[in-house]
């Protein structure tokens, strides 16, 4: 069975590792990025430019490397895509952490309009304590 159009778009976002040419093509102008309170750089961001500058553009305190590893994808007929996975992080002091997440994406008319994240903020906060 092939991916739904919405699922294919979200897979492409992960596979590109948020490449600027991909995000420019698929993110809606009014895109909303909602990150769990307690997570580094948490908050609600409006527009991909804000996400790139204010979420990804700010260093995460004491984190050397950080990346999302999607493991399972699910989609419904309404343009929602659920991604279960984990972040792999390494702190500047050498501590490693795998932080489980679920991302809830919404796609409308071929554009990504929202991503809401739920993640285990406790695990990353403990890793940052060193």
N, C-alpha and C. Protein backbone atom coordinates (compact mmCIF):
# COMPACT_ATOMS: atom_id res chain seq x y z
N UNK A 1 0.83 -1.18 0.00
CA UNK A 1 0.00 0.00 0.00
C UNK A 1 0.89 1.25 0.00
N UNK A 2 0.54 2.21 -0.83
CA UNK A 2 1.37 3.41 -0.90
C UNK A 2 0.93 4.42 0.16
N UNK A 3 1.83 5.35 0.45
CA UNK A 3 1.54 6.39 1.43
C UNK A 3 0.44 7.31 0.92
N UNK A 4 -0.35 7.84 1.85
CA UNK A 4 -1.29 8.90 1.50
C UNK A 4 -0.47 10.12 1.10
N UNK A 5 -1.05 11.07 0.37
CA UNK A 5 -0.30 12.28 0.02
C UNK A 5 0.24 13.02 1.26
N UNK A 6 -0.57 13.09 2.33
CA UNK A 6 -0.11 13.78 3.54
C UNK A 6 1.06 13.05 4.18
N UNK A 7 0.97 11.73 4.25
CA UNK A 7 2.05 10.93 4.83
C UNK A 7 3.33 11.06 4.01
N UNK A 8 3.19 11.08 2.69
CA UNK A 8 4.36 11.22 1.82
C UNK A 8 5.07 12.56 2.06
N UNK A 9 4.29 13.62 2.27
CA UNK A 9 4.89 14.93 2.54
C UNK A 9 5.68 14.90 3.85
N UNK A 10 5.09 14.32 4.88
CA UNK A 10 5.76 14.30 6.19
C UNK A 10 6.99 13.40 6.16
N UNK A 11 6.90 12.26 5.49
CA UNK A 11 8.11 11.41 5.33
C UNK A 11 9.23 12.21 4.66
N UNK A 12 8.85 12.98 3.65
CA UNK A 12 9.85 13.79 2.92
C UNK A 12 10.51 14.80 3.85
N UNK A 13 9.75 15.41 4.75
CA UNK A 13 10.31 16.37 5.70
C UNK A 13 11.37 15.69 6.57
N UNK A 14 11.06 14.51 7.11
CA UNK A 14 12.03 13.79 7.95
C UNK A 14 13.24 13.33 7.13
N UNK A 15 12.97 12.75 5.96
CA UNK A 15 14.07 12.23 5.15
C UNK A 15 15.03 13.33 4.72
N UNK A 16 14.52 14.54 4.53
CA UNK A 16 15.37 15.67 4.11
C UNK A 16 16.11 16.29 5.30
N UNK A 17 15.72 15.88 6.52
CA UNK A 17 16.26 16.46 7.75
C UNK A 17 16.00 17.96 7.80
N UNK A 18 14.79 18.33 7.40
CA UNK A 18 14.31 19.72 7.40
C UNK A 18 15.12 20.60 6.44
N UNK A 19 15.49 20.04 5.30
CA UNK A 19 16.25 20.81 4.32
C UNK A 19 15.48 22.06 3.91
N UNK A 20 16.15 23.20 3.81
CA UNK A 20 15.47 24.45 3.49
C UNK A 20 14.64 24.40 2.21
N UNK A 21 15.13 23.72 1.18
CA UNK A 21 14.37 23.67 -0.07
C UNK A 21 13.08 22.86 0.09
N UNK A 22 13.09 21.88 0.99
CA UNK A 22 11.88 21.08 1.25
C UNK A 22 10.91 21.87 2.11
N UNK A 23 11.40 22.45 3.19
CA UNK A 23 10.49 23.20 4.07
C UNK A 23 9.89 24.39 3.32
N UNK A 24 10.65 25.05 2.47
CA UNK A 24 10.12 26.18 1.69
C UNK A 24 8.98 25.73 0.79
N UNK A 25 9.06 24.52 0.30
CA UNK A 25 8.05 24.01 -0.62
C UNK A 25 6.80 23.50 0.10
N UNK A 26 6.95 22.86 1.26
CA UNK A 26 5.81 22.17 1.87
C UNK A 26 5.15 22.89 3.04
N UNK A 27 5.82 23.85 3.67
CA UNK A 27 5.23 24.52 4.83
C UNK A 27 4.32 25.66 4.39
N UNK A 28 3.12 25.70 4.98
CA UNK A 28 2.17 26.78 4.69
C UNK A 28 2.68 28.08 5.31
N UNK A 29 2.29 29.22 4.75
CA UNK A 29 2.73 30.50 5.33
C UNK A 29 2.30 30.69 6.78
N UNK A 30 1.14 30.12 7.16
CA UNK A 30 0.65 30.28 8.53
C UNK A 30 0.95 29.06 9.40
N UNK A 31 1.98 28.33 9.05
CA UNK A 31 2.40 27.12 9.77
C UNK A 31 2.58 27.40 11.26
N UNK A 32 2.15 26.44 12.11
CA UNK A 32 2.30 26.55 13.57
C UNK A 32 3.13 25.36 14.06
N UNK A 33 4.12 25.64 14.89
CA UNK A 33 5.05 24.66 15.46
C UNK A 33 4.91 24.76 16.97
N UNK A 34 4.44 23.71 17.62
CA UNK A 34 4.09 23.75 19.04
C UNK A 34 4.93 22.71 19.79
N UNK A 35 5.86 23.18 20.62
CA UNK A 35 6.81 22.31 21.33
C UNK A 35 6.46 22.24 22.81
N UNK A 36 6.46 21.03 23.36
CA UNK A 36 6.09 20.73 24.73
C UNK A 36 6.79 21.63 25.74
N UNK A 37 6.04 22.20 26.68
CA UNK A 37 6.67 22.97 27.77
C UNK A 37 7.68 22.09 28.51
N UNK A 38 8.80 22.71 28.91
CA UNK A 38 9.85 21.98 29.61
C UNK A 38 10.93 21.47 28.67
N UNK A 39 10.64 21.44 27.38
CA UNK A 39 11.62 21.01 26.39
C UNK A 39 12.49 22.22 26.02
N UNK A 40 13.77 22.04 25.71
CA UNK A 40 14.59 23.19 25.30
C UNK A 40 13.93 23.94 24.14
N UNK A 41 13.93 25.25 24.23
CA UNK A 41 13.34 26.14 23.22
C UNK A 41 11.85 25.89 23.02
N UNK A 42 11.17 25.41 24.07
CA UNK A 42 9.74 25.12 23.94
C UNK A 42 8.95 26.39 23.67
N UNK A 43 7.77 26.20 23.13
CA UNK A 43 6.88 27.32 22.85
C UNK A 43 6.09 27.06 21.59
N UNK A 44 5.31 28.05 21.22
CA UNK A 44 4.52 27.98 19.99
C UNK A 44 5.08 29.01 19.04
N UNK A 45 5.45 28.56 17.85
CA UNK A 45 6.06 29.41 16.84
C UNK A 45 5.10 29.52 15.66
N UNK A 46 5.04 30.70 15.04
CA UNK A 46 4.13 30.94 13.93
C UNK A 46 4.93 31.29 12.68
N UNK A 47 4.77 30.46 11.64
CA UNK A 47 5.50 30.66 10.39
C UNK A 47 6.83 29.94 10.42
N UNK A 48 7.19 29.35 9.28
CA UNK A 48 8.44 28.58 9.23
C UNK A 48 9.66 29.45 9.48
N UNK A 49 9.63 30.72 9.07
CA UNK A 49 10.77 31.60 9.33
C UNK A 49 11.04 31.72 10.83
N UNK A 50 9.98 31.82 11.61
CA UNK A 50 10.13 31.89 13.07
C UNK A 50 10.67 30.57 13.62
N UNK A 51 10.18 29.44 13.11
CA UNK A 51 10.68 28.14 13.55
C UNK A 51 12.17 28.03 13.27
N UNK A 52 12.57 28.37 12.05
CA UNK A 52 13.97 28.26 11.66
C UNK A 52 14.86 29.17 12.50
N UNK A 53 14.39 30.40 12.75
CA UNK A 53 15.21 31.37 13.49
C UNK A 53 15.11 31.19 15.00
N UNK A 54 13.90 31.05 15.51
CA UNK A 54 13.69 31.10 16.95
C UNK A 54 13.71 29.74 17.64
N UNK A 55 13.46 28.65 16.90
CA UNK A 55 13.57 27.32 17.50
C UNK A 55 14.89 26.68 17.09
N UNK A 56 15.06 26.44 15.79
CA UNK A 56 16.29 25.79 15.32
C UNK A 56 17.48 26.73 15.36
N UNK A 57 17.26 28.03 15.23
CA UNK A 57 18.36 28.99 15.19
C UNK A 57 18.97 29.29 16.53
N UNK A 58 18.26 29.00 17.61
CA UNK A 58 18.81 29.20 18.96
C UNK A 58 19.48 27.91 19.39
N UNK A 59 20.67 28.01 19.91
CA UNK A 59 21.27 26.77 20.41
C UNK A 59 20.46 26.22 21.57
N UNK A 60 20.37 24.92 21.63
CA UNK A 60 19.76 24.30 22.79
C UNK A 60 20.83 24.26 23.87
N UNK A 61 20.51 24.74 25.06
CA UNK A 61 21.54 24.85 26.08
C UNK A 61 22.23 23.52 26.38
N UNK A 62 23.55 23.54 26.30
CA UNK A 62 24.39 22.39 26.66
C UNK A 62 24.16 21.13 25.81
N UNK A 63 23.60 21.28 24.62
CA UNK A 63 23.39 20.12 23.74
C UNK A 63 24.36 20.22 22.56
N UNK A 64 25.15 19.18 22.41
CA UNK A 64 26.15 19.12 21.34
C UNK A 64 25.53 18.65 20.03
N UNK A 65 24.78 17.55 20.07
CA UNK A 65 24.11 17.03 18.88
C UNK A 65 22.68 16.67 19.23
N UNK A 66 21.81 16.80 18.24
CA UNK A 66 20.38 16.55 18.45
C UNK A 66 19.75 16.20 17.12
N UNK A 67 18.95 15.15 17.09
CA UNK A 67 18.26 14.79 15.85
C UNK A 67 17.05 13.93 16.12
N UNK A 68 16.07 14.04 15.24
CA UNK A 68 14.84 13.26 15.34
C UNK A 68 14.98 11.97 14.54
N UNK A 69 14.58 10.87 15.15
CA UNK A 69 14.62 9.55 14.51
C UNK A 69 13.18 9.02 14.47
N UNK A 70 12.49 9.19 13.34
CA UNK A 70 11.13 8.66 13.26
C UNK A 70 11.16 7.14 13.18
N UNK A 71 10.20 6.50 13.85
CA UNK A 71 10.15 5.04 13.85
C UNK A 71 8.87 4.50 13.23
N UNK A 72 7.76 5.15 13.49
CA UNK A 72 6.48 4.69 12.96
C UNK A 72 5.67 5.89 12.47
N UNK A 73 4.98 5.70 11.35
CA UNK A 73 4.13 6.73 10.77
C UNK A 73 2.71 6.20 10.66
N UNK A 74 1.75 7.04 11.00
CA UNK A 74 0.33 6.71 10.87
C UNK A 74 -0.37 7.92 10.28
N UNK A 75 -1.37 7.69 9.44
CA UNK A 75 -2.12 8.80 8.86
C UNK A 75 -3.60 8.50 8.88
N UNK A 76 -4.39 9.56 8.91
CA UNK A 76 -5.83 9.39 8.78
C UNK A 76 -6.29 10.07 7.48
N UNK A 77 -7.56 10.01 7.23
CA UNK A 77 -8.10 10.55 5.98
C UNK A 77 -8.28 12.07 6.03
N UNK A 78 -8.10 12.67 7.20
CA UNK A 78 -8.31 14.11 7.35
C UNK A 78 -7.02 14.92 7.21
N UNK A 79 -5.93 14.28 6.79
CA UNK A 79 -4.66 15.00 6.61
C UNK A 79 -3.79 15.06 7.85
N UNK A 80 -4.12 14.25 8.85
CA UNK A 80 -3.28 14.18 10.05
C UNK A 80 -2.28 13.05 9.91
N UNK A 81 -1.06 13.32 10.34
CA UNK A 81 -0.01 12.30 10.33
C UNK A 81 0.60 12.27 11.72
N UNK A 82 0.66 11.07 12.27
CA UNK A 82 1.23 10.85 13.60
C UNK A 82 2.56 10.15 13.42
N UNK A 83 3.58 10.68 14.04
CA UNK A 83 4.91 10.08 13.94
C UNK A 83 5.40 9.78 15.35
N UNK A 84 5.70 8.51 15.59
CA UNK A 84 6.28 8.08 16.86
C UNK A 84 7.77 7.87 16.61
N UNK A 85 8.59 8.35 17.52
CA UNK A 85 10.03 8.15 17.37
C UNK A 85 10.76 8.62 18.60
N UNK A 86 12.03 8.94 18.40
CA UNK A 86 12.82 9.47 19.51
C UNK A 86 13.83 10.49 18.99
N UNK A 87 14.18 11.38 19.87
CA UNK A 87 15.29 12.30 19.60
C UNK A 87 16.52 11.64 20.17
N UNK A 88 17.62 11.77 19.47
CA UNK A 88 18.90 11.32 20.02
C UNK A 88 19.70 12.59 20.29
N UNK A 89 20.10 12.75 21.54
CA UNK A 89 20.83 13.94 21.94
C UNK A 89 22.10 13.56 22.68
N UNK A 90 23.11 14.39 22.52
CA UNK A 90 24.32 14.26 23.30
C UNK A 90 24.65 15.64 23.86
N UNK A 91 24.89 15.68 25.16
CA UNK A 91 25.16 16.96 25.81
C UNK A 91 26.64 17.33 25.64
N UNK A 92 26.94 18.55 25.98
CA UNK A 92 28.33 19.02 25.88
C UNK A 92 29.23 18.31 26.89
N UNK A 93 28.62 17.68 27.90
CA UNK A 93 29.40 16.93 28.88
C UNK A 93 29.49 15.44 28.53
N UNK A 94 28.96 15.07 27.36
CA UNK A 94 29.09 13.69 26.89
C UNK A 94 27.95 12.76 27.27
N UNK A 95 26.94 13.25 27.97
CA UNK A 95 25.79 12.40 28.30
C UNK A 95 24.93 12.21 27.05
N UNK A 96 24.45 11.00 26.87
CA UNK A 96 23.58 10.70 25.73
C UNK A 96 22.18 10.40 26.24
N UNK A 97 21.19 10.78 25.44
CA UNK A 97 19.80 10.54 25.82
C UNK A 97 18.98 10.26 24.58
N UNK A 98 18.07 9.33 24.70
CA UNK A 98 17.05 9.08 23.69
C UNK A 98 15.73 9.48 24.31
N UNK A 99 15.08 10.44 23.70
CA UNK A 99 13.87 11.04 24.24
C UNK A 99 12.71 10.70 23.33
N UNK A 100 11.75 9.95 23.85
CA UNK A 100 10.60 9.57 23.04
C UNK A 100 9.75 10.79 22.68
N UNK A 101 9.20 10.76 21.46
CA UNK A 101 8.29 11.82 21.04
C UNK A 101 7.15 11.23 20.23
N UNK A 102 6.10 12.02 20.15
CA UNK A 102 5.08 11.84 19.14
C UNK A 102 4.87 13.21 18.52
N UNK A 103 4.87 13.23 17.21
CA UNK A 103 4.60 14.45 16.46
C UNK A 103 3.23 14.28 15.80
N UNK A 104 2.40 15.27 15.92
CA UNK A 104 1.07 15.27 15.33
C UNK A 104 1.06 16.39 14.28
N UNK A 105 1.11 15.99 13.02
CA UNK A 105 1.19 16.92 11.90
C UNK A 105 -0.19 17.07 11.26
N UNK A 106 -0.46 18.24 10.72
CA UNK A 106 -1.68 18.47 9.95
C UNK A 106 -1.29 19.03 8.60
N UNK A 107 -1.82 18.39 7.55
CA UNK A 107 -1.56 18.80 6.17
C UNK A 107 -2.90 19.17 5.54
N UNK A 108 -2.95 20.34 4.91
CA UNK A 108 -4.15 20.78 4.18
C UNK A 108 -3.74 21.29 2.82
N UNK A 109 -4.45 20.85 1.81
CA UNK A 109 -4.21 21.31 0.44
C UNK A 109 -2.74 21.18 0.05
N UNK A 110 -2.12 20.08 0.47
CA UNK A 110 -0.74 19.81 0.08
C UNK A 110 0.31 20.59 0.84
N UNK A 111 -0.09 21.34 1.87
CA UNK A 111 0.86 22.13 2.67
C UNK A 111 0.75 21.74 4.13
N UNK A 112 1.89 21.73 4.82
CA UNK A 112 1.91 21.42 6.24
C UNK A 112 1.49 22.68 6.99
N UNK A 113 0.43 22.57 7.81
CA UNK A 113 -0.06 23.74 8.53
C UNK A 113 0.24 23.72 10.02
N UNK A 114 0.56 22.52 10.55
CA UNK A 114 0.82 22.47 11.99
C UNK A 114 1.62 21.23 12.37
N UNK A 115 2.46 21.38 13.40
CA UNK A 115 3.13 20.25 14.04
C UNK A 115 3.05 20.50 15.53
N UNK A 116 2.45 19.53 16.24
CA UNK A 116 2.39 19.58 17.70
C UNK A 116 3.23 18.42 18.22
N UNK A 117 4.08 18.72 19.16
CA UNK A 117 5.00 17.74 19.72
C UNK A 117 4.62 17.42 21.15
N UNK A 118 4.70 16.16 21.48
CA UNK A 118 4.67 15.72 22.87
C UNK A 118 5.93 14.88 23.06
N UNK A 119 6.72 15.24 24.06
CA UNK A 119 7.99 14.54 24.28
C UNK A 119 8.26 14.43 25.77
N UNK A 120 9.10 13.49 26.11
CA UNK A 120 9.46 13.26 27.50
C UNK A 120 10.51 14.29 27.92
N UNK A 121 10.04 15.44 28.33
CA UNK A 121 10.94 16.53 28.72
C UNK A 121 11.82 16.16 29.92
N UNK A 122 11.33 15.31 30.78
CA UNK A 122 12.09 14.90 31.96
C UNK A 122 13.43 14.25 31.57
N UNK A 123 13.39 13.41 30.56
CA UNK A 123 14.62 12.69 30.15
C UNK A 123 15.68 13.68 29.67
N UNK A 124 15.29 14.65 28.87
CA UNK A 124 16.31 15.60 28.38
C UNK A 124 16.77 16.52 29.51
N UNK A 125 15.87 16.90 30.40
CA UNK A 125 16.28 17.74 31.53
C UNK A 125 17.28 17.01 32.43
N UNK A 126 17.08 15.70 32.65
CA UNK A 126 18.00 14.91 33.45
C UNK A 126 19.36 14.82 32.77
N UNK A 127 19.37 14.62 31.45
CA UNK A 127 20.63 14.54 30.72
C UNK A 127 21.40 15.87 30.80
N UNK A 128 20.66 16.96 30.76
CA UNK A 128 21.30 18.27 30.83
C UNK A 128 21.90 18.57 32.19
N UNK A 129 21.37 17.93 33.23
CA UNK A 129 21.94 18.12 34.57
C UNK A 129 23.33 17.49 34.68
N UNK A 130 23.59 16.52 33.80
CA UNK A 130 24.90 15.89 33.77
C UNK A 130 25.11 14.95 34.88
